[in-house]
């Protein structure tokens, strides 16, 4: 298990991961959610929406792609965490649940954009407008997650705004690359 994943898992379970690979004292209270998975999920959703926003894809296909795409990446990240922990020895179901919980913010990153695309499916708004708003929602999510991460650093608002700005910039780079490649 890489150092960062191990630290996140230890934070999630509120204690150290035992040398034999099991989570020590998994019954402790949970710390605040790690937002790296949420940022990763939002970047993934941003790319999925950006690639399909100007294509001939139906809004149903876009919504399903968002939900399944993020679920697959969540499952892959969860599984790699499990494999990394298993390399140290047998693991318990509590370990698996803890790893899945560490990665779960990735799933929540897909919800708002998928709901917005659903408005296009229901013809409450034009499909292209729903896709554009979903893409904008991804950028806003990146900014908000960046603010939350920046605040957790405890280094004041200037650093917080830089962290949020970098997250937004990366999201915008994805959008710009999509425009350059697909148009």
C-alpha atoms as a PDB file:
ATOM      1  CA  UNK A   1       0.000   0.000   0.000  1.00  0.00           C
ATOM      2  CA  UNK A   2       1.430   3.375  -0.907  1.00  0.00           C
ATOM      3  CA  UNK A   3       2.132   5.828   1.895  1.00  0.00           C
ATOM      4  CA  UNK A   4      -0.743   8.181   1.049  1.00  0.00           C
ATOM      5  CA  UNK A   5      -3.314   5.370   0.814  1.00  0.00           C
ATOM      6  CA  UNK A   6      -2.079   3.914   4.082  1.00  0.00           C
ATOM      7  CA  UNK A   7      -2.347   7.304   5.794  1.00  0.00           C
ATOM      8  CA  UNK A   8      -5.867   7.824   4.408  1.00  0.00           C
ATOM      9  CA  UNK A   9      -6.943   4.389   5.560  1.00  0.00           C
ATOM     10  CA  UNK A  10      -5.451   5.007   9.002  1.00  0.00           C
ATOM     11  CA  UNK A  11      -7.305   8.334   9.169  1.00  0.00           C
ATOM     12  CA  UNK A  12     -10.534   6.661   8.042  1.00  0.00           C
ATOM     13  CA  UNK A  13     -10.406   3.982  10.697  1.00  0.00           C
ATOM     14  CA  UNK A  14      -9.046   6.339  13.336  1.00  0.00           C
ATOM     15  CA  UNK A  15      -5.913   4.350  14.045  1.00  0.00           C
ATOM     16  CA  UNK A  16      -2.973   2.457  12.648  1.00  0.00           C
ATOM     17  CA  UNK A  17      -3.120  -0.375  10.179  1.00  0.00           C
ATOM     18  CA  UNK A  18      -1.588  -3.365  11.915  1.00  0.00           C
ATOM     19  CA  UNK A  19       1.580  -4.916  10.511  1.00  0.00           C
ATOM     20  CA  UNK A  20      -0.223  -8.063   9.443  1.00  0.00           C
ATOM     21  CA  UNK A  21      -2.443  -5.936   7.184  1.00  0.00           C
ATOM     22  CA  UNK A  22      -5.546  -5.726   9.353  1.00  0.00           C
ATOM     23  CA  UNK A  23      -7.045  -2.494  10.525  1.00  0.00           C
ATOM     24  CA  UNK A  24      -6.290  -2.012  14.201  1.00  0.00           C
ATOM     25  CA  UNK A  25      -9.314  -0.938  16.254  1.00  0.00           C
ATOM     26  CA  UNK A  26     -11.686  -0.252  13.345  1.00  0.00           C
ATOM     27  CA  UNK A  27     -14.430   0.800  15.777  1.00  0.00           C
ATOM     28  CA  UNK A  28     -13.118   4.323  16.355  1.00  0.00           C
ATOM     29  CA  UNK A  29     -14.960   7.382  15.120  1.00  0.00           C
ATOM     30  CA  UNK A  30     -14.370   8.534  11.546  1.00  0.00           C
ATOM     31  CA  UNK A  31     -12.399  11.710  10.747  1.00  0.00           C
ATOM     32  CA  UNK A  32     -13.622  14.220   8.150  1.00  0.00           C
ATOM     33  CA  UNK A  33     -13.831  12.730   4.666  1.00  0.00           C
ATOM     34  CA  UNK A  34     -10.748  12.854   2.510  1.00  0.00           C
ATOM     35  CA  UNK A  35     -11.627  15.010  -0.462  1.00  0.00           C
ATOM     36  CA  UNK A  36      -8.988  13.767  -2.905  1.00  0.00           C
ATOM     37  CA  UNK A  37     -11.414  11.089  -4.110  1.00  0.00           C
ATOM     38  CA  UNK A  38     -14.115  13.755  -4.581  1.00  0.00           C
ATOM     39  CA  UNK A  39     -11.736  15.934  -6.597  1.00  0.00           C
ATOM     40  CA  UNK A  40     -10.670  12.918  -8.653  1.00  0.00           C
ATOM     41  CA  UNK A  41     -14.306  11.958  -9.247  1.00  0.00           C
ATOM     42  CA  UNK A  42     -15.198  15.501 -10.263  1.00  0.00           C
ATOM     43  CA  UNK A  43     -12.281  15.652 -12.712  1.00  0.00           C
ATOM     44  CA  UNK A  44     -13.466  12.345 -14.144  1.00  0.00           C
ATOM     45  CA  UNK A  45     -17.048  13.600 -14.492  1.00  0.00           C
ATOM     46  CA  UNK A  46     -15.789  16.866 -16.003  1.00  0.00           C
ATOM     47  CA  UNK A  47     -13.941  14.927 -18.681  1.00  0.00           C
ATOM     48  CA  UNK A  48     -16.913  12.635 -19.347  1.00  0.00           C
ATOM     49  CA  UNK A  49     -19.343  15.531 -19.723  1.00  0.00           C
ATOM     50  CA  UNK A  50     -16.871  17.655 -21.702  1.00  0.00           C
ATOM     51  CA  UNK A  51     -16.198  14.892 -24.211  1.00  0.00           C
ATOM     52  CA  UNK A  52     -19.902  14.207 -24.753  1.00  0.00           C
ATOM     53  CA  UNK A  53     -21.357  17.704 -24.466  1.00  0.00           C
ATOM     54  CA  UNK A  54     -20.899  18.521 -28.141  1.00  0.00           C
ATOM     55  CA  UNK A  55     -21.257  15.027 -29.533  1.00  0.00           C
ATOM     56  CA  UNK A  56     -24.334  13.280 -30.806  1.00  0.00           C
ATOM     57  CA  UNK A  57     -24.671  11.369 -27.542  1.00  0.00           C
ATOM     58  CA  UNK A  58     -28.135  11.261 -26.053  1.00  0.00           C
ATOM     59  CA  UNK A  59     -28.565  12.769 -22.592  1.00  0.00           C
ATOM     60  CA  UNK A  60     -29.543   9.317 -21.327  1.00  0.00           C
ATOM     61  CA  UNK A  61     -26.209   7.971 -22.545  1.00  0.00           C
ATOM     62  CA  UNK A  62     -24.332  10.867 -20.914  1.00  0.00           C
ATOM     63  CA  UNK A  63     -26.079  10.320 -17.564  1.00  0.00           C
ATOM     64  CA  UNK A  64     -25.453   6.570 -17.636  1.00  0.00           C
ATOM     65  CA  UNK A  65     -21.827   7.160 -18.677  1.00  0.00           C
ATOM     66  CA  UNK A  66     -21.317   9.532 -15.748  1.00  0.00           C
ATOM     67  CA  UNK A  67     -22.781   7.127 -13.203  1.00  0.00           C
ATOM     68  CA  UNK A  68     -21.224   3.925 -14.533  1.00  0.00           C
ATOM     69  CA  UNK A  69     -17.887   5.575 -15.333  1.00  0.00           C
ATOM     70  CA  UNK A  70     -17.453   6.929 -11.828  1.00  0.00           C
ATOM     71  CA  UNK A  71     -18.699   3.684 -10.264  1.00  0.00           C
ATOM     72  CA  UNK A  72     -16.128   1.703 -12.268  1.00  0.00           C
ATOM     73  CA  UNK A  73     -13.292   4.027 -11.212  1.00  0.00           C
ATOM     74  CA  UNK A  74     -14.491   3.874  -7.583  1.00  0.00           C
ATOM     75  CA  UNK A  75     -14.533   0.097  -7.742  1.00  0.00           C
ATOM     76  CA  UNK A  76     -11.056   0.037  -9.312  1.00  0.00           C
ATOM     77  CA  UNK A  77      -9.631   2.398  -6.673  1.00  0.00           C
ATOM     78  CA  UNK A  78     -11.293   0.421  -3.903  1.00  0.00           C
ATOM     79  CA  UNK A  79      -9.986  -2.840  -5.290  1.00  0.00           C
ATOM     80  CA  UNK A  80      -6.418  -1.550  -5.631  1.00  0.00           C
ATOM     81  CA  UNK A  81      -6.569  -0.426  -2.002  1.00  0.00           C
ATOM     82  CA  UNK A  82      -7.768  -3.885  -0.997  1.00  0.00           C
ATOM     83  CA  UNK A  83      -5.012  -5.552  -3.020  1.00  0.00           C
ATOM     84  CA  UNK A  84      -2.402  -3.281  -1.461  1.00  0.00           C
ATOM     85  CA  UNK A  85      -3.619  -4.135   2.037  1.00  0.00           C
ATOM     86  CA  UNK A  86      -3.877  -7.863   1.228  1.00  0.00           C
ATOM     87  CA  UNK A  87      -0.199  -7.839   0.278  1.00  0.00           C
ATOM     88  CA  UNK A  88       0.457  -7.438   3.995  1.00  0.00           C
ATOM     89  CA  UNK A  89      -1.720 -10.377   4.985  1.00  0.00           C
ATOM     90  CA  UNK A  90      -5.362 -11.365   5.492  1.00  0.00           C
ATOM     91  CA  UNK A  91      -7.914  -8.579   5.816  1.00  0.00           C
ATOM     92  CA  UNK A  92     -11.345  -8.374   7.407  1.00  0.00           C
ATOM     93  CA  UNK A  93     -14.609  -7.058   5.976  1.00  0.00           C
ATOM     94  CA  UNK A  94     -14.133  -4.005   8.200  1.00  0.00           C
ATOM     95  CA  UNK A  95     -10.960  -3.288   6.242  1.00  0.00           C
ATOM     96  CA  UNK A  96     -12.817  -3.575   2.924  1.00  0.00           C
ATOM     97  CA  UNK A  97     -15.586  -1.279   4.159  1.00  0.00           C
ATOM     98  CA  UNK A  98     -13.030   1.252   5.408  1.00  0.00           C
ATOM     99  CA  UNK A  99     -11.249   1.317   2.044  1.00  0.00           C
ATOM    100  CA  UNK A 100     -14.571   1.680   0.198  1.00  0.00           C
ATOM    101  CA  UNK A 101     -15.511   4.548   2.535  1.00  0.00           C
ATOM    102  CA  UNK A 102     -12.209   6.336   1.872  1.00  0.00           C
ATOM    103  CA  UNK A 103     -12.974   6.254  -1.865  1.00  0.00           C
ATOM    104  CA  UNK A 104     -16.733   6.979  -1.603  1.00  0.00           C
ATOM    105  CA  UNK A 105     -16.534  10.757  -2.106  1.00  0.00           C
ATOM    106  CA  UNK A 106     -15.700   9.909  -5.720  1.00  0.00           C
ATOM    107  CA  UNK A 107     -19.244   8.568  -6.092  1.00  0.00           C
ATOM    108  CA  UNK A 108     -20.868  11.687  -4.678  1.00  0.00           C
ATOM    109  CA  UNK A 109     -19.023  13.822  -7.225  1.00  0.00           C
ATOM    110  CA  UNK A 110     -21.182  12.290  -9.971  1.00  0.00           C
ATOM    111  CA  UNK A 111     -24.561  12.998  -8.395  1.00  0.00           C
ATOM    112  CA  UNK A 112     -25.130  16.699  -9.146  1.00  0.00           C
ATOM    113  CA  UNK A 113     -23.978  16.567 -12.784  1.00  0.00           C
ATOM    114  CA  UNK A 114     -26.073  13.423 -13.383  1.00  0.00           C
ATOM    115  CA  UNK A 115     -29.144  15.064 -11.856  1.00  0.00           C
ATOM    116  CA  UNK A 116     -28.626  18.146 -14.027  1.00  0.00           C
ATOM    117  CA  UNK A 117     -28.353  16.004 -17.174  1.00  0.00           C
ATOM    118  CA  UNK A 118     -31.611  14.334 -16.102  1.00  0.00           C
ATOM    119  CA  UNK A 119     -33.383  17.687 -16.575  1.00  0.00           C
ATOM    120  CA  UNK A 120     -32.409  17.441 -20.247  1.00  0.00           C
ATOM    121  CA  UNK A 121     -33.699  13.871 -20.389  1.00  0.00           C
ATOM    122  CA  UNK A 122     -37.023  15.003 -18.926  1.00  0.00           C
ATOM    123  CA  UNK A 123     -37.083  17.907 -21.421  1.00  0.00           C
ATOM    124  CA  UNK A 124     -37.407  20.398 -18.562  1.00  0.00           C
ATOM    125  CA  UNK A 125     -34.554  22.288 -20.232  1.00  0.00           C
ATOM    126  CA  UNK A 126     -32.914  21.939 -23.641  1.00  0.00           C
ATOM    127  CA  UNK A 127     -30.427  19.046 -23.682  1.00  0.00           C
ATOM    128  CA  UNK A 128     -27.457  21.247 -24.609  1.00  0.00           C
ATOM    129  CA  UNK A 129     -28.296  23.641 -21.778  1.00  0.00           C
ATOM    130  CA  UNK A 130     -28.415  20.735 -19.321  1.00  0.00           C
ATOM    131  CA  UNK A 131     -25.017  19.500 -20.514  1.00  0.00           C
ATOM    132  CA  UNK A 132     -23.516  22.992 -20.293  1.00  0.00           C
ATOM    133  CA  UNK A 133     -24.891  23.490 -16.777  1.00  0.00           C
ATOM    134  CA  UNK A 134     -23.621  20.030 -15.750  1.00  0.00           C
ATOM    135  CA  UNK A 135     -20.166  21.011 -16.976  1.00  0.00           C
ATOM    136  CA  UNK A 136     -20.379  24.309 -15.086  1.00  0.00           C
ATOM    137  CA  UNK A 137     -21.491  22.399 -11.977  1.00  0.00           C
ATOM    138  CA  UNK A 138     -18.351  20.264 -12.248  1.00  0.00           C
ATOM    139  CA  UNK A 139     -16.191  23.400 -12.270  1.00  0.00           C
ATOM    140  CA  UNK A 140     -18.095  24.811  -9.277  1.00  0.00           C
ATOM    141  CA  UNK A 141     -17.666  21.502  -7.433  1.00  0.00           C
ATOM    142  CA  UNK A 142     -13.924  21.637  -8.094  1.00  0.00           C
ATOM    143  CA  UNK A 143     -13.825  25.146  -6.654  1.00  0.00           C
ATOM    144  CA  UNK A 144     -15.805  24.149  -3.551  1.00  0.00           C
ATOM    145  CA  UNK A 145     -13.733  21.014  -2.952  1.00  0.00           C
ATOM    146  CA  UNK A 146     -10.618  23.137  -3.437  1.00  0.00           C
ATOM    147  CA  UNK A 147     -11.883  25.578  -0.811  1.00  0.00           C
ATOM    148  CA  UNK A 148     -12.530  22.728   1.616  1.00  0.00           C
ATOM    149  CA  UNK A 149      -9.085  21.222   1.041  1.00  0.00           C
ATOM    150  CA  UNK A 150      -7.448  24.637   1.332  1.00  0.00           C
ATOM    151  CA  UNK A 151      -9.226  25.330   4.607  1.00  0.00           C
ATOM    152  CA  UNK A 152      -8.096  21.996   6.043  1.00  0.00           C
ATOM    153  CA  UNK A 153      -4.507  23.043   5.399  1.00  0.00           C
ATOM    154  CA  UNK A 154      -5.047  25.791   7.973  1.00  0.00           C
ATOM    155  CA  UNK A 155      -2.847  28.303   6.152  1.00  0.00           C
ATOM    156  CA  UNK A 156      -5.409  31.060   5.635  1.00  0.00           C
ATOM    157  CA  UNK A 157      -7.544  32.295   2.777  1.00  0.00           C
ATOM    158  CA  UNK A 158      -4.771  33.143   0.297  1.00  0.00           C
ATOM    159  CA  UNK A 159      -3.574  29.512   0.260  1.00  0.00           C
ATOM    160  CA  UNK A 160      -7.168  28.270   0.277  1.00  0.00           C
ATOM    161  CA  UNK A 161      -7.976  30.336  -2.813  1.00  0.00           C
ATOM    162  CA  UNK A 162      -4.832  29.128  -4.592  1.00  0.00           C
ATOM    163  CA  UNK A 163      -5.782  25.495  -3.939  1.00  0.00           C
ATOM    164  CA  UNK A 164      -9.324  26.139  -5.223  1.00  0.00           C
ATOM    165  CA  UNK A 165      -7.939  28.022  -8.214  1.00  0.00           C
ATOM    166  CA  UNK A 166      -5.620  25.161  -9.153  1.00  0.00           C
ATOM    167  CA  UNK A 167      -8.527  22.692  -9.000  1.00  0.00           C
ATOM    168  CA  UNK A 168     -10.649  24.949 -11.206  1.00  0.00           C
ATOM    169  CA  UNK A 169      -7.745  25.506 -13.608  1.00  0.00           C
ATOM    170  CA  UNK A 170      -7.314  21.775 -14.057  1.00  0.00           C
ATOM    171  CA  UNK A 171     -11.039  21.416 -14.768  1.00  0.00           C
ATOM    172  CA  UNK A 172     -10.860  24.229 -17.317  1.00  0.00           C
ATOM    173  CA  UNK A 173      -7.831  22.645 -18.967  1.00  0.00           C
ATOM    174  CA  UNK A 174      -9.943  19.520 -19.483  1.00  0.00           C
ATOM    175  CA  UNK A 175     -12.691  21.609 -21.095  1.00  0.00           C
ATOM    176  CA  UNK A 176     -10.226  23.498 -23.325  1.00  0.00           C
ATOM    177  CA  UNK A 177      -8.530  20.268 -24.414  1.00  0.00           C
ATOM    178  CA  UNK A 178     -11.948  18.843 -25.243  1.00  0.00           C
ATOM    179  CA  UNK A 179     -12.733  21.861 -27.411  1.00  0.00           C
ATOM    180  CA  UNK A 180      -9.349  21.692 -29.157  1.00  0.00           C
ATOM    181  CA  UNK A 181      -9.498  17.948 -29.813  1.00  0.00           C
ATOM    182  CA  UNK A 182     -13.160  17.572 -30.716  1.00  0.00           C
ATOM    183  CA  UNK A 183     -13.794  20.774 -32.657  1.00  0.00           C
END
